[in-house]
Amino acid sequence: MRTIAICDRTLWEAGARADCPVSFKEKLEIAKLLGRLRVDVIETGAISNPTTDPVLIRTLGALVGECTLSCPAGYTEAEVETAFSAMRGVKRPRLCVRVPVSTVGMEYTFHKKPDQALEQAMTLV
């Protein structure tokens, strides 16, 4: 028997799109509905506001029940620590560390050469 995991990026997309803003209350409603659907993983947007976004993530964590809540961790130790702190108290937390795999991506995203970018990625994880 195969297991299919459902990962929803609605909240991630809502945070990434400037042309269609979603309010705090709407994000909570979306999370409630996804929790009722028992989606396996709910991805949040990156923490852009260190004051309000951690509150949103903690609130979402309380609403989603058994769903895993995934939060992008960022590219610096400070961003990872902020995301980690925001996920405290979430029943099933997941930090998502995305790293570029091409040399060009490493130099433009990490501003590091490939060997330094790999070392940075290992430090973040």
PDB file of N, CA and C in Angstrom:
ATOM      1  N   MET A   1       0.830  -1.180   0.000  1.00  0.00           N
ATOM      2  CA  MET A   1       0.000   0.000   0.000  1.00  0.00           C
ATOM      3  C   MET A   1       0.882   1.252   0.000  1.00  0.00           C
ATOM      4  N   ARG A   2       0.536   2.228  -0.800  1.00  0.00           N
ATOM      5  CA  ARG A   2       1.293   3.467  -0.880  1.00  0.00           C
ATOM      6  C   ARG A   2       0.683   4.527   0.031  1.00  0.00           C
ATOM      7  N   THR A   3       1.528   5.388   0.528  1.00  0.00           N
ATOM      8  CA  THR A   3       1.076   6.512   1.323  1.00  0.00           C
ATOM      9  C   THR A   3       1.308   7.781   0.518  1.00  0.00           C
ATOM     10  N   ILE A   4       0.301   8.588   0.421  1.00  0.00           N
ATOM     11  CA  ILE A   4       0.415   9.860  -0.288  1.00  0.00           C
ATOM     12  C   ILE A   4       0.312  10.971   0.749  1.00  0.00           C
ATOM     13  N   ALA A   5       1.320  11.826   0.790  1.00  0.00           N
ATOM     14  CA  ALA A   5       1.317  12.964   1.708  1.00  0.00           C
ATOM     15  C   ALA A   5       0.884  14.208   0.938  1.00  0.00           C
ATOM     16  N   ILE A   6       0.004  14.973   1.539  1.00  0.00           N
ATOM     17  CA  ILE A   6      -0.487  16.198   0.910  1.00  0.00           C
ATOM     18  C   ILE A   6       0.178  17.386   1.593  1.00  0.00           C
ATOM     19  N   CYS A   7       0.845  18.197   0.788  1.00  0.00           N
ATOM     20  CA  CYS A   7       1.525  19.388   1.282  1.00  0.00           C
ATOM     21  C   CYS A   7       0.852  20.604   0.657  1.00  0.00           C
ATOM     22  N   ASP A   8       0.345  21.502   1.489  1.00  0.00           N
ATOM     23  CA  ASP A   8      -0.373  22.665   0.991  1.00  0.00           C
ATOM     24  C   ASP A   8       0.483  23.915   1.141  1.00  0.00           C
ATOM     25  N   ARG A   9       0.565  24.706   0.064  1.00  0.00           N
ATOM     26  CA  ARG A   9       1.376  25.920   0.064  1.00  0.00           C
ATOM     27  C   ARG A   9       0.528  27.185  -0.022  1.00  0.00           C
ATOM     28  N   THR A  10      -0.731  27.098   0.297  1.00  0.00           N
ATOM     29  CA  THR A  10      -1.614  28.263   0.184  1.00  0.00           C
ATOM     30  C   THR A  10      -1.107  29.427   1.030  1.00  0.00           C
ATOM     31  N   LEU A  11      -0.737  29.170   2.284  1.00  0.00           N
ATOM     32  CA  LEU A  11      -0.257  30.247   3.153  1.00  0.00           C
ATOM     33  C   LEU A  11       1.095  30.774   2.701  1.00  0.00           C
ATOM     34  N   TRP A  12       1.916  29.894   2.151  1.00  0.00           N
ATOM     35  CA  TRP A  12       3.212  30.327   1.622  1.00  0.00           C
ATOM     36  C   TRP A  12       3.000  31.257   0.433  1.00  0.00           C
ATOM     37  N   GLU A  13       2.125  30.850  -0.470  1.00  0.00           N
ATOM     38  CA  GLU A  13       1.825  31.664  -1.652  1.00  0.00           C
ATOM     39  C   GLU A  13       1.198  32.999  -1.250  1.00  0.00           C
ATOM     40  N   ALA A  14       0.332  32.967  -0.246  1.00  0.00           N
ATOM     41  CA  ALA A  14      -0.327  34.196   0.199  1.00  0.00           C
ATOM     42  C   ALA A  14       0.692  35.201   0.724  1.00  0.00           C
ATOM     43  N   GLY A  15       1.730  34.713   1.369  1.00  0.00           N
ATOM     44  CA  GLY A  15       2.758  35.612   1.879  1.00  0.00           C
ATOM     45  C   GLY A  15       3.704  36.106   0.795  1.00  0.00           C
ATOM     46  N   ALA A  16       3.847  35.337  -0.274  1.00  0.00           N
ATOM     47  CA  ALA A  16       4.784  35.693  -1.336  1.00  0.00           C
ATOM     48  C   ALA A  16       4.186  36.653  -2.361  1.00  0.00           C
ATOM     49  N   ARG A  17       2.864  36.743  -2.405  1.00  0.00           N
ATOM     50  CA  ARG A  17       2.210  37.565  -3.426  1.00  0.00           C
ATOM     51  C   ARG A  17       1.834  38.927  -2.865  1.00  0.00           C
ATOM     52  N   ALA A  18       2.380  39.965  -3.446  1.00  0.00           N
ATOM     53  CA  ALA A  18       2.063  41.322  -3.012  1.00  0.00           C
ATOM     54  C   ALA A  18       0.786  41.832  -3.661  1.00  0.00           C
ATOM     55  N   ASP A  19       0.411  41.251  -4.804  1.00  0.00           N
ATOM     56  CA  ASP A  19      -0.764  41.736  -5.532  1.00  0.00           C
ATOM     57  C   ASP A  19      -2.083  41.230  -4.944  1.00  0.00           C
ATOM     58  N   CYS A  20      -2.013  40.255  -4.050  1.00  0.00           N
ATOM     59  CA  CYS A  20      -3.227  39.686  -3.477  1.00  0.00           C
ATOM     60  C   CYS A  20      -2.996  39.421  -1.988  1.00  0.00           C
ATOM     61  N   PRO A  21      -2.941  40.478  -1.169  1.00  0.00           N
ATOM     62  CA  PRO A  21      -2.652  40.278   0.251  1.00  0.00           C
ATOM     63  C   PRO A  21      -3.764  39.519   0.973  1.00  0.00           C
ATOM     64  N   VAL A  22      -3.356  38.707   1.922  1.00  0.00           N
ATOM     65  CA  VAL A  22      -4.282  37.926   2.736  1.00  0.00           C
ATOM     66  C   VAL A  22      -4.106  38.403   4.177  1.00  0.00           C
ATOM     67  N   SER A  23      -5.198  38.716   4.838  1.00  0.00           N
ATOM     68  CA  SER A  23      -5.137  39.245   6.199  1.00  0.00           C
ATOM     69  C   SER A  23      -4.796  38.142   7.210  1.00  0.00           C
ATOM     70  N   PHE A  24      -4.449  38.578   8.405  1.00  0.00           N
ATOM     71  CA  PHE A  24      -4.162  37.666   9.511  1.00  0.00           C
ATOM     72  C   PHE A  24      -5.351  36.736   9.746  1.00  0.00           C
ATOM     73  N   LYS A  25      -6.532  37.316   9.808  1.00  0.00           N
ATOM     74  CA  LYS A  25      -7.749  36.543  10.059  1.00  0.00           C
ATOM     75  C   LYS A  25      -8.001  35.528   8.941  1.00  0.00           C
ATOM     76  N   GLU A  26      -7.781  35.936   7.691  1.00  0.00           N
ATOM     77  CA  GLU A  26      -7.980  35.018   6.563  1.00  0.00           C
ATOM     78  C   GLU A  26      -6.984  33.857   6.614  1.00  0.00           C
ATOM     79  N   LYS A  27      -5.759  34.140   7.030  1.00  0.00           N
ATOM     80  CA  LYS A  27      -4.763  33.070   7.163  1.00  0.00           C
ATOM     81  C   LYS A  27      -5.201  32.069   8.228  1.00  0.00           C
ATOM     82  N   LEU A  28      -5.771  32.558   9.319  1.00  0.00           N
ATOM     83  CA  LEU A  28      -6.259  31.663  10.368  1.00  0.00           C
ATOM     84  C   LEU A  28      -7.402  30.793   9.857  1.00  0.00           C
ATOM     85  N   GLU A  29      -8.301  31.377   9.081  1.00  0.00           N
ATOM     86  CA  GLU A  29      -9.418  30.614   8.512  1.00  0.00           C
ATOM     87  C   GLU A  29      -8.917  29.539   7.549  1.00  0.00           C
ATOM     88  N   ILE A  30      -7.942  29.901   6.731  1.00  0.00           N
ATOM     89  CA  ILE A  30      -7.358  28.924   5.800  1.00  0.00           C
ATOM     90  C   ILE A  30      -6.739  27.775   6.582  1.00  0.00           C
ATOM     91  N   ALA A  31      -5.999  28.098   7.644  1.00  0.00           N
ATOM     92  CA  ALA A  31      -5.351  27.064   8.460  1.00  0.00           C
ATOM     93  C   ALA A  31      -6.380  26.148   9.111  1.00  0.00           C
ATOM     94  N   LYS A  32      -7.479  26.722   9.603  1.00  0.00           N
ATOM     95  CA  LYS A  32      -8.537  25.900  10.207  1.00  0.00           C
ATOM     96  C   LYS A  32      -9.098  24.912   9.197  1.00  0.00           C
ATOM     97  N   LEU A  33      -9.367  25.399   7.988  1.00  0.00           N
ATOM     98  CA  LEU A  33      -9.912  24.526   6.946  1.00  0.00           C
ATOM     99  C   LEU A  33      -8.922  23.429   6.559  1.00  0.00           C
ATOM    100  N   LEU A  34      -7.656  23.786   6.439  1.00  0.00           N
ATOM    101  CA  LEU A  34      -6.643  22.780   6.098  1.00  0.00           C
ATOM    102  C   LEU A  34      -6.488  21.754   7.219  1.00  0.00           C
ATOM    103  N   GLY A  35      -6.605  22.217   8.461  1.00  0.00           N
ATOM    104  CA  GLY A  35      -6.559  21.297   9.592  1.00  0.00           C
ATOM    105  C   GLY A  35      -7.723  20.319   9.574  1.00  0.00           C
ATOM    106  N   ARG A  36      -8.914  20.825   9.230  1.00  0.00           N
ATOM    107  CA  ARG A  36     -10.087  19.951   9.128  1.00  0.00           C
ATOM    108  C   ARG A  36      -9.934  18.927   8.013  1.00  0.00           C
ATOM    109  N   LEU A  37      -9.267  19.339   6.926  1.00  0.00           N
ATOM    110  CA  LEU A  37      -9.015  18.419   5.809  1.00  0.00           C
ATOM    111  C   LEU A  37      -7.901  17.417   6.124  1.00  0.00           C
ATOM    112  N   ARG A  38      -7.224  17.637   7.236  1.00  0.00           N
ATOM    113  CA  ARG A  38      -6.103  16.793   7.678  1.00  0.00           C
ATOM    114  C   ARG A  38      -4.979  16.728   6.643  1.00  0.00           C
ATOM    115  N   VAL A  39      -4.655  17.903   6.113  1.00  0.00           N
ATOM    116  CA  VAL A  39      -3.523  18.013   5.204  1.00  0.00           C
ATOM    117  C   VAL A  39      -2.280  17.620   5.992  1.00  0.00           C
ATOM    118  N   ASP A  40      -1.366  16.882   5.373  1.00  0.00           N
ATOM    119  CA  ASP A  40      -0.187  16.408   6.093  1.00  0.00           C
ATOM    120  C   ASP A  40       0.763  17.539   6.491  1.00  0.00           C
ATOM    121  N   VAL A  41       1.060  18.429   5.544  1.00  0.00           N
ATOM    122  CA  VAL A  41       2.008  19.516   5.795  1.00  0.00           C
ATOM    123  C   VAL A  41       1.409  20.826   5.299  1.00  0.00           C
ATOM    124  N   ILE A  42       1.459  21.844   6.146  1.00  0.00           N
ATOM    125  CA  ILE A  42       1.027  23.186   5.773  1.00  0.00           C
ATOM    126  C   ILE A  42       2.264  24.074   5.806  1.00  0.00           C
ATOM    127  N   GLU A  43       2.598  24.651   4.654  1.00  0.00           N
ATOM    128  CA  GLU A  43       3.769  25.518   4.566  1.00  0.00           C
ATOM    129  C   GLU A  43       3.354  26.967   4.792  1.00  0.00           C
ATOM    130  N   THR A  44       4.073  27.632   5.685  1.00  0.00           N
ATOM    131  CA  THR A  44       3.827  29.055   5.924  1.00  0.00           C
ATOM    132  C   THR A  44       4.795  29.863   5.071  1.00  0.00           C
ATOM    133  N   GLY A  45       4.566  31.149   5.022  1.00  0.00           N
ATOM    134  CA  GLY A  45       5.514  32.027   4.342  1.00  0.00           C
ATOM    135  C   GLY A  45       6.710  32.294   5.235  1.00  0.00           C
ATOM    136  N   ALA A  46       7.735  32.868   4.647  1.00  0.00           N
ATOM    137  CA  ALA A  46       8.927  33.212   5.416  1.00  0.00           C
ATOM    138  C   ALA A  46       8.594  34.316   6.409  1.00  0.00           C
ATOM    139  N   ILE A  47       9.365  34.386   7.465  1.00  0.00           N
ATOM    140  CA  ILE A  47       9.162  35.416   8.476  1.00  0.00           C
ATOM    141  C   ILE A  47       9.773  36.713   7.945  1.00  0.00           C
ATOM    142  N   SER A  48       8.909  37.642   7.583  1.00  0.00           N
ATOM    143  CA  SER A  48       9.385  38.923   7.074  1.00  0.00           C
ATOM    144  C   SER A  48       9.276  40.014   8.130  1.00  0.00           C
ATOM    145  N   ASN A  49       8.324  39.861   9.044  1.00  0.00           N
ATOM    146  CA  ASN A  49       8.158  40.813  10.138  1.00  0.00           C
ATOM    147  C   ASN A  49       8.393  40.061  11.450  1.00  0.00           C
ATOM    148  N   PRO A  50       9.540  40.287  12.105  1.00  0.00           N
ATOM    149  CA  PRO A  50       9.864  39.527  13.314  1.00  0.00           C
ATOM    150  C   PRO A  50       8.953  39.802  14.504  1.00  0.00           C
ATOM    151  N   THR A  51       8.084  40.783  14.402  1.00  0.00           N
ATOM    152  CA  THR A  51       7.155  41.077  15.485  1.00  0.00           C
ATOM    153  C   THR A  51       5.846  40.312  15.333  1.00  0.00           C
ATOM    154  N   THR A  52       5.240  40.356  14.148  1.00  0.00           N
ATOM    155  CA  THR A  52       3.909  39.763  13.966  1.00  0.00           C
ATOM    156  C   THR A  52       3.937  38.343  13.408  1.00  0.00           C
ATOM    157  N   ASP A  53       4.891  38.025  12.564  1.00  0.00           N
ATOM    158  CA  ASP A  53       4.910  36.697  11.930  1.00  0.00           C
ATOM    159  C   ASP A  53       5.078  35.552  12.926  1.00  0.00           C
ATOM    160  N   PRO A  54       5.951  35.666  13.951  1.00  0.00           N
ATOM    161  CA  PRO A  54       6.019  34.582  14.944  1.00  0.00           C
ATOM    162  C   PRO A  54       4.691  34.366  15.688  1.00  0.00           C
ATOM    163  N   VAL A  55       3.956  35.452  15.928  1.00  0.00           N
ATOM    164  CA  VAL A  55       2.645  35.330  16.569  1.00  0.00           C
ATOM    165  C   VAL A  55       1.703  34.558  15.654  1.00  0.00           C
ATOM    166  N   LEU A  56       1.740  34.873  14.362  1.00  0.00           N
ATOM    167  CA  LEU A  56       0.911  34.157  13.391  1.00  0.00           C
ATOM    168  C   LEU A  56       1.264  32.670  13.375  1.00  0.00           C
ATOM    169  N   ILE A  57       2.539  32.352  13.353  1.00  0.00           N
ATOM    170  CA  ILE A  57       2.962  30.948  13.287  1.00  0.00           C
ATOM    171  C   ILE A  57       2.541  30.193  14.536  1.00  0.00           C
ATOM    172  N   ARG A  58       2.716  30.797  15.709  1.00  0.00           N
ATOM    173  CA  ARG A  58       2.280  30.127  16.942  1.00  0.00           C
ATOM    174  C   ARG A  58       0.768  29.925  16.957  1.00  0.00           C
ATOM    175  N   THR A  59       0.030  30.900  16.466  1.00  0.00           N
ATOM    176  CA  THR A  59      -1.427  30.790  16.409  1.00  0.00           C
ATOM    177  C   THR A  59      -1.838  29.716  15.419  1.00  0.00           C
ATOM    178  N   LEU A  60      -1.180  29.684  14.264  1.00  0.00           N
ATOM    179  CA  LEU A  60      -1.465  28.642  13.275  1.00  0.00           C
ATOM    180  C   LEU A  60      -1.184  27.262  13.854  1.00  0.00           C
ATOM    181  N   GLY A  61      -0.081  27.144  14.591  1.00  0.00           N
ATOM    182  CA  GLY A  61       0.278  25.866  15.197  1.00  0.00           C
ATOM    183  C   GLY A  61      -0.792  25.341  16.129  1.00  0.00           C
ATOM    184  N   ALA A  62      -1.475  26.247  16.819  1.00  0.00           N
ATOM    185  CA  ALA A  62      -2.550  25.836  17.720  1.00  0.00           C
ATOM    186  C   ALA A  62      -3.803  25.413  16.955  1.00  0.00           C
ATOM    187  N   LEU A  63      -3.967  25.920  15.741  1.00  0.00           N
ATOM    188  CA  LEU A  63      -5.187  25.651  14.971  1.00  0.00           C
ATOM    189  C   LEU A  63      -5.126  24.409  14.093  1.00  0.00           C
ATOM    190  N   VAL A  64      -3.937  24.007  13.679  1.00  0.00           N
ATOM    191  CA  VAL A  64      -3.839  22.972  12.648  1.00  0.00           C
ATOM    192  C   VAL A  64      -3.895  21.548  13.182  1.00  0.00           C
ATOM    193  N   GLY A  65      -3.926  21.384  14.475  1.00  0.00           N
ATOM    194  CA  GLY A  65      -4.062  20.045  15.050  1.00  0.00           C
ATOM    195  C   GLY A  65      -2.885  19.141  14.741  1.00  0.00           C
ATOM    196  N   GLU A  66      -3.154  18.018  14.068  1.00  0.00           N
ATOM    197  CA  GLU A  66      -2.130  17.012  13.787  1.00  0.00           C
ATOM    198  C   GLU A  66      -1.315  17.301  12.530  1.00  0.00           C
ATOM    199  N   CYS A  67      -1.616  18.389  11.843  1.00  0.00           N
ATOM    200  CA  CYS A  67      -0.868  18.732  10.629  1.00  0.00           C
ATOM    201  C   CYS A  67       0.534  19.204  11.004  1.00  0.00           C
ATOM    202  N   THR A  68       1.499  18.919  10.149  1.00  0.00           N
ATOM    203  CA  THR A  68       2.844  19.448  10.322  1.00  0.00           C
ATOM    204  C   THR A  68       2.852  20.872   9.798  1.00  0.00           C
ATOM    205  N   LEU A  69       3.422  21.793  10.564  1.00  0.00           N
ATOM    206  CA  LEU A  69       3.528  23.182  10.143  1.00  0.00           C
ATOM    207  C   LEU A  69       4.974  23.432   9.744  1.00  0.00           C
ATOM    208  N   SER A  70       5.185  23.819   8.497  1.00  0.00           N
ATOM    209  CA  SER A  70       6.522  24.022   7.949  1.00  0.00           C
ATOM    210  C   SER A  70       6.772  25.502   7.720  1.00  0.00           C
ATOM    211  N   CYS A  71       7.919  25.978   8.197  1.00  0.00           N
ATOM    212  CA  CYS A  71       8.268  27.391   8.072  1.00  0.00           C
ATOM    213  C   CYS A  71       9.644  27.508   7.417  1.00  0.00           C
ATOM    214  N   PRO A  72       9.780  28.340   6.374  1.00  0.00           N
ATOM    215  CA  PRO A  72      11.104  28.551   5.788  1.00  0.00           C
ATOM    216  C   PRO A  72      12.043  29.159   6.825  1.00  0.00           C
ATOM    217  N   ALA A  73      13.269  28.637   6.891  1.00  0.00           N
ATOM    218  CA  ALA A  73      14.190  29.054   7.939  1.00  0.00           C
ATOM    219  C   ALA A  73      15.054  30.241   7.561  1.00  0.00           C
ATOM    220  N   GLY A  74      15.263  30.512   6.297  1.00  0.00           N
ATOM    221  CA  GLY A  74      16.102  31.636   5.891  1.00  0.00           C
ATOM    222  C   GLY A  74      17.518  31.207   5.582  1.00  0.00           C
ATOM    223  N   TYR A  75      18.381  32.192   5.345  1.00  0.00           N
ATOM    224  CA  TYR A  75      19.756  31.925   4.911  1.00  0.00           C
ATOM    225  C   TYR A  75      20.818  32.331   5.915  1.00  0.00           C
ATOM    226  N   THR A  76      20.404  32.871   7.070  1.00  0.00           N
ATOM    227  CA  THR A  76      21.379  33.254   8.093  1.00  0.00           C
ATOM    228  C   THR A  76      21.017  32.584   9.414  1.00  0.00           C
ATOM    229  N   GLU A  77      21.984  32.537  10.305  1.00  0.00           N
ATOM    230  CA  GLU A  77      21.738  31.933  11.613  1.00  0.00           C
ATOM    231  C   GLU A  77      20.659  32.703  12.378  1.00  0.00           C
ATOM    232  N   ALA A  78      20.631  34.019  12.231  1.00  0.00           N
ATOM    233  CA  ALA A  78      19.611  34.830  12.911  1.00  0.00           C
ATOM    234  C   ALA A  78      18.216  34.492  12.388  1.00  0.00           C
ATOM    235  N   GLU A  79      18.081  34.317  11.072  1.00  0.00           N
ATOM    236  CA  GLU A  79      16.778  33.963  10.495  1.00  0.00           C
ATOM    237  C   GLU A  79      16.335  32.571  10.940  1.00  0.00           C
ATOM    238  N   VAL A  80      17.284  31.638  11.016  1.00  0.00           N
ATOM    239  CA  VAL A  80      16.955  30.284  11.478  1.00  0.00           C
ATOM    240  C   VAL A  80      16.517  30.328  12.934  1.00  0.00           C
ATOM    241  N   GLU A  81      17.203  31.097  13.747  1.00  0.00           N
ATOM    242  CA  GLU A  81      16.841  31.216  15.168  1.00  0.00           C
ATOM    243  C   GLU A  81      15.460  31.850  15.333  1.00  0.00           C
ATOM    244  N   THR A  82      15.149  32.853  14.521  1.00  0.00           N
ATOM    245  CA  THR A  82      13.827  33.488  14.576  1.00  0.00           C
ATOM    246  C   THR A  82      12.740  32.483  14.205  1.00  0.00           C
ATOM    247  N   ALA A  83      12.972  31.724  13.141  1.00  0.00           N
ATOM    248  CA  ALA A  83      11.991  30.711  12.713  1.00  0.00           C
ATOM    249  C   ALA A  83      11.847  29.622  13.779  1.00  0.00           C
ATOM    250  N   PHE A  84      12.970  29.189  14.349  1.00  0.00           N
ATOM    251  CA  PHE A  84      12.944  28.157  15.386  1.00  0.00           C
ATOM    252  C   PHE A  84      12.159  28.635  16.601  1.00  0.00           C
ATOM    253  N   SER A  85      12.382  29.875  17.000  1.00  0.00           N
ATOM    254  CA  SER A  85      11.657  30.441  18.142  1.00  0.00           C
ATOM    255  C   SER A  85      10.167  30.533  17.857  1.00  0.00           C
ATOM    256  N   ALA A  86       9.817  30.901  16.624  1.00  0.00           N
ATOM    257  CA  ALA A  86       8.406  31.019  16.254  1.00  0.00           C
ATOM    258  C   ALA A  86       7.707  29.663  16.291  1.00  0.00           C
ATOM    259  N   MET A  87       8.443  28.590  16.053  1.00  0.00           N
ATOM    260  CA  MET A  87       7.855  27.253  15.983  1.00  0.00           C
ATOM    261  C   MET A  87       7.735  26.587  17.357  1.00  0.00           C
ATOM    262  N   ARG A  88       8.268  27.221  18.401  1.00  0.00           N
ATOM    263  CA  ARG A  88       8.133  26.643  19.745  1.00  0.00           C
ATOM    264  C   ARG A  88       6.673  26.540  20.112  1.00  0.00           C
ATOM    265  N   GLY A  89       6.290  25.404  20.619  1.00  0.00           N
ATOM    266  CA  GLY A  89       4.910  25.188  21.020  1.00  0.00           C
ATOM    267  C   GLY A  89       4.043  24.585  19.933  1.00  0.00           C
ATOM    268  N   VAL A  90       4.538  24.551  18.702  1.00  0.00           N
ATOM    269  CA  VAL A  90       3.794  23.926  17.608  1.00  0.00           C
ATOM    270  C   VAL A  90       3.913  22.413  17.791  1.00  0.00           C
ATOM    271  N   LYS A  91       2.809  21.709  17.683  1.00  0.00           N
ATOM    272  CA  LYS A  91       2.798  20.268  17.957  1.00  0.00           C
ATOM    273  C   LYS A  91       3.705  19.484  16.995  1.00  0.00           C
ATOM    274  N   ARG A  92       3.635  19.803  15.705  1.00  0.00           N
ATOM    275  CA  ARG A  92       4.452  19.102  14.704  1.00  0.00           C
ATOM    276  C   ARG A  92       5.179  20.137  13.844  1.00  0.00           C
ATOM    277  N   PRO A  93       6.288  20.702  14.362  1.00  0.00           N
ATOM    278  CA  PRO A  93       6.996  21.751  13.628  1.00  0.00           C
ATOM    279  C   PRO A  93       7.969  21.189  12.591  1.00  0.00           C
ATOM    280  N   ARG A  94       8.235  21.982  11.575  1.00  0.00           N
ATOM    281  CA  ARG A  94       9.250  21.640  10.577  1.00  0.00           C
ATOM    282  C   ARG A  94       9.871  22.938  10.074  1.00  0.00           C
ATOM    283  N   LEU A  95      11.191  23.019  10.154  1.00  0.00           N
ATOM    284  CA  LEU A  95      11.897  24.145   9.563  1.00  0.00           C
ATOM    285  C   LEU A  95      12.369  23.718   8.183  1.00  0.00           C
ATOM    286  N   CYS A  96      12.149  24.550   7.208  1.00  0.00           N
ATOM    287  CA  CYS A  96      12.502  24.238   5.830  1.00  0.00           C
ATOM    288  C   CYS A  96      13.706  25.086   5.428  1.00  0.00           C
ATOM    289  N   VAL A  97      14.849  24.437   5.253  1.00  0.00           N
ATOM    290  CA  VAL A  97      16.056  25.130   4.828  1.00  0.00           C
ATOM    291  C   VAL A  97      16.230  24.869   3.339  1.00  0.00           C
ATOM    292  N   ARG A  98      16.058  25.915   2.554  1.00  0.00           N
ATOM    293  CA  ARG A  98      16.215  25.798   1.104  1.00  0.00           C
ATOM    294  C   ARG A  98      17.558  26.395   0.724  1.00  0.00           C
ATOM    295  N   VAL A  99      18.318  25.631  -0.023  1.00  0.00           N
ATOM    296  CA  VAL A  99      19.616  26.130  -0.473  1.00  0.00           C
ATOM    297  C   VAL A  99      19.711  25.999  -1.992  1.00  0.00           C
ATOM    298  N   PRO A 100      20.340  26.968  -2.626  1.00  0.00           N
ATOM    299  CA  PRO A 100      20.524  26.869  -4.070  1.00  0.00           C
ATOM    300  C   PRO A 100      21.518  25.767  -4.404  1.00  0.00           C
ATOM    301  N   VAL A 101      21.345  25.145  -5.546  1.00  0.00           N
ATOM    302  CA  VAL A 101      22.232  24.046  -5.922  1.00  0.00           C
ATOM    303  C   VAL A 101      23.165  24.401  -7.072  1.00  0.00           C
ATOM    304  N   SER A 102      22.910  25.493  -7.753  1.00  0.00           N
ATOM    305  CA  SER A 102      23.803  25.890  -8.842  1.00  0.00           C
ATOM    306  C   SER A 102      24.840  26.883  -8.328  1.00  0.00           C
ATOM    307  N   THR A 103      25.961  26.936  -9.004  1.00  0.00           N
ATOM    308  CA  THR A 103      27.021  27.863  -8.625  1.00  0.00           C
ATOM    309  C   THR A 103      26.521  29.301  -8.674  1.00  0.00           C
ATOM    310  N   VAL A 104      25.783  29.631  -9.712  1.00  0.00           N
ATOM    311  CA  VAL A 104      25.242  30.981  -9.855  1.00  0.00           C
ATOM    312  C   VAL A 104      24.273  31.286  -8.717  1.00  0.00           C
ATOM    313  N   GLY A 105      23.387  30.348  -8.405  1.00  0.00           N
ATOM    314  CA  GLY A 105      22.448  30.547  -7.313  1.00  0.00           C
ATOM    315  C   GLY A 105      23.144  30.732  -5.983  1.00  0.00           C
ATOM    316  N   MET A 106      24.203  29.966  -5.757  1.00  0.00           N
ATOM    317  CA  MET A 106      24.947  30.094  -4.503  1.00  0.00           C
ATOM    318  C   MET A 106      25.585  31.470  -4.383  1.00  0.00           C
ATOM    319  N   GLU A 107      26.146  31.939  -5.481  1.00  0.00           N
ATOM    320  CA  GLU A 107      26.826  33.233  -5.431  1.00  0.00           C
ATOM    321  C   GLU A 107      25.837  34.391  -5.306  1.00  0.00           C
ATOM    322  N   TYR A 108      24.648  34.265  -5.917  1.00  0.00           N
ATOM    323  CA  TYR A 108      23.684  35.362  -5.846  1.00  0.00           C
ATOM    324  C   TYR A 108      22.779  35.291  -4.623  1.00  0.00           C
ATOM    325  N   THR A 109      22.501  34.095  -4.104  1.00  0.00           N
ATOM    326  CA  THR A 109      21.636  33.968  -2.937  1.00  0.00           C
ATOM    327  C   THR A 109      22.443  34.030  -1.645  1.00  0.00           C
ATOM    328  N   PHE A 110      23.475  33.202  -1.565  1.00  0.00           N
ATOM    329  CA  PHE A 110      24.318  33.148  -0.364  1.00  0.00           C
ATOM    330  C   PHE A 110      25.439  34.176  -0.394  1.00  0.00           C
ATOM    331  N   HIS A 111      25.738  34.689  -1.579  1.00  0.00           N
ATOM    332  CA  HIS A 111      26.883  35.581  -1.772  1.00  0.00           C
ATOM    333  C   HIS A 111      28.165  34.899  -1.332  1.00  0.00           C
ATOM    334  N   LYS A 112      28.259  33.603  -1.670  1.00  0.00           N
ATOM    335  CA  LYS A 112      29.414  32.795  -1.295  1.00  0.00           C
ATOM    336  C   LYS A 112      29.779  31.864  -2.450  1.00  0.00           C
ATOM    337  N   LYS A 113      31.021  31.452  -2.453  1.00  0.00           N
ATOM    338  CA  LYS A 113      31.473  30.444  -3.411  1.00  0.00           C
ATOM    339  C   LYS A 113      30.865  29.102  -3.006  1.00  0.00           C
ATOM    340  N   PRO A 114      30.791  28.120  -3.933  1.00  0.00           N
ATOM    341  CA  PRO A 114      30.119  26.849  -3.632  1.00  0.00           C
ATOM    342  C   PRO A 114      30.586  26.155  -2.354  1.00  0.00           C
ATOM    343  N   ASP A 115      31.904  26.099  -2.105  1.00  0.00           N
ATOM    344  CA  ASP A 115      32.370  25.409  -0.896  1.00  0.00           C
ATOM    345  C   ASP A 115      31.939  26.149   0.374  1.00  0.00           C
ATOM    346  N   GLN A 116      31.940  27.480   0.318  1.00  0.00           N
ATOM    347  CA  GLN A 116      31.484  28.273   1.463  1.00  0.00           C
ATOM    348  C   GLN A 116      29.974  28.154   1.651  1.00  0.00           C
ATOM    349  N   ALA A 117      29.232  28.072   0.539  1.00  0.00           N
ATOM    350  CA  ALA A 117      27.772  27.937   0.610  1.00  0.00           C
ATOM    351  C   ALA A 117      27.395  26.598   1.227  1.00  0.00           C
ATOM    352  N   LEU A 118      28.113  25.537   0.860  1.00  0.00           N
ATOM    353  CA  LEU A 118      27.850  24.217   1.432  1.00  0.00           C
ATOM    354  C   LEU A 118      28.121  24.229   2.933  1.00  0.00           C
ATOM    355  N   GLU A 119      29.212  24.858   3.330  1.00  0.00           N
ATOM    356  CA  GLU A 119      29.545  24.965   4.754  1.00  0.00           C
ATOM    357  C   GLU A 119      28.455  25.755   5.505  1.00  0.00           C
ATOM    358  N   GLN A 120      27.965  26.846   4.905  1.00  0.00           N
ATOM    359  CA  GLN A 120      26.915  27.646   5.506  1.00  0.00           C
ATOM    360  C   GLN A 120      25.627  26.834   5.656  1.00  0.00           C
ATOM    361  N   ALA A 121      25.283  26.079   4.615  1.00  0.00           N
ATOM    362  CA  ALA A 121      24.070  25.246   4.661  1.00  0.00           C
ATOM    363  C   ALA A 121      24.158  24.213   5.786  1.00  0.00           C
ATOM    364  N   MET A 122      25.313  23.584   5.938  1.00  0.00           N
ATOM    365  CA  MET A 122      25.495  22.597   7.009  1.00  0.00           C
ATOM    366  C   MET A 122      25.401  23.263   8.373  1.00  0.00           C
ATOM    367  N   THR A 123      25.923  24.478   8.504  1.00  0.00           N
ATOM    368  CA  THR A 123      25.831  25.210   9.765  1.00  0.00           C
ATOM    369  C   THR A 123      24.375  25.535  10.092  1.00  0.00           C
ATOM    370  N   LEU A 124      23.612  25.935   9.081  1.00  0.00           N
ATOM    371  CA  LEU A 124      22.203  26.272   9.304  1.00  0.00           C
ATOM    372  C   LEU A 124      21.395  25.058   9.731  1.00  0.00           C
ATOM    373  N   VAL A 125      21.676  23.911   9.124  1.00  0.00           N
ATOM    374  CA  VAL A 125      20.945  22.695   9.459  1.00  0.00           C
ATOM    375  C   VAL A 125      21.360  22.223  10.836  1.00  0.00           C
TER     376      VAL A 125
END
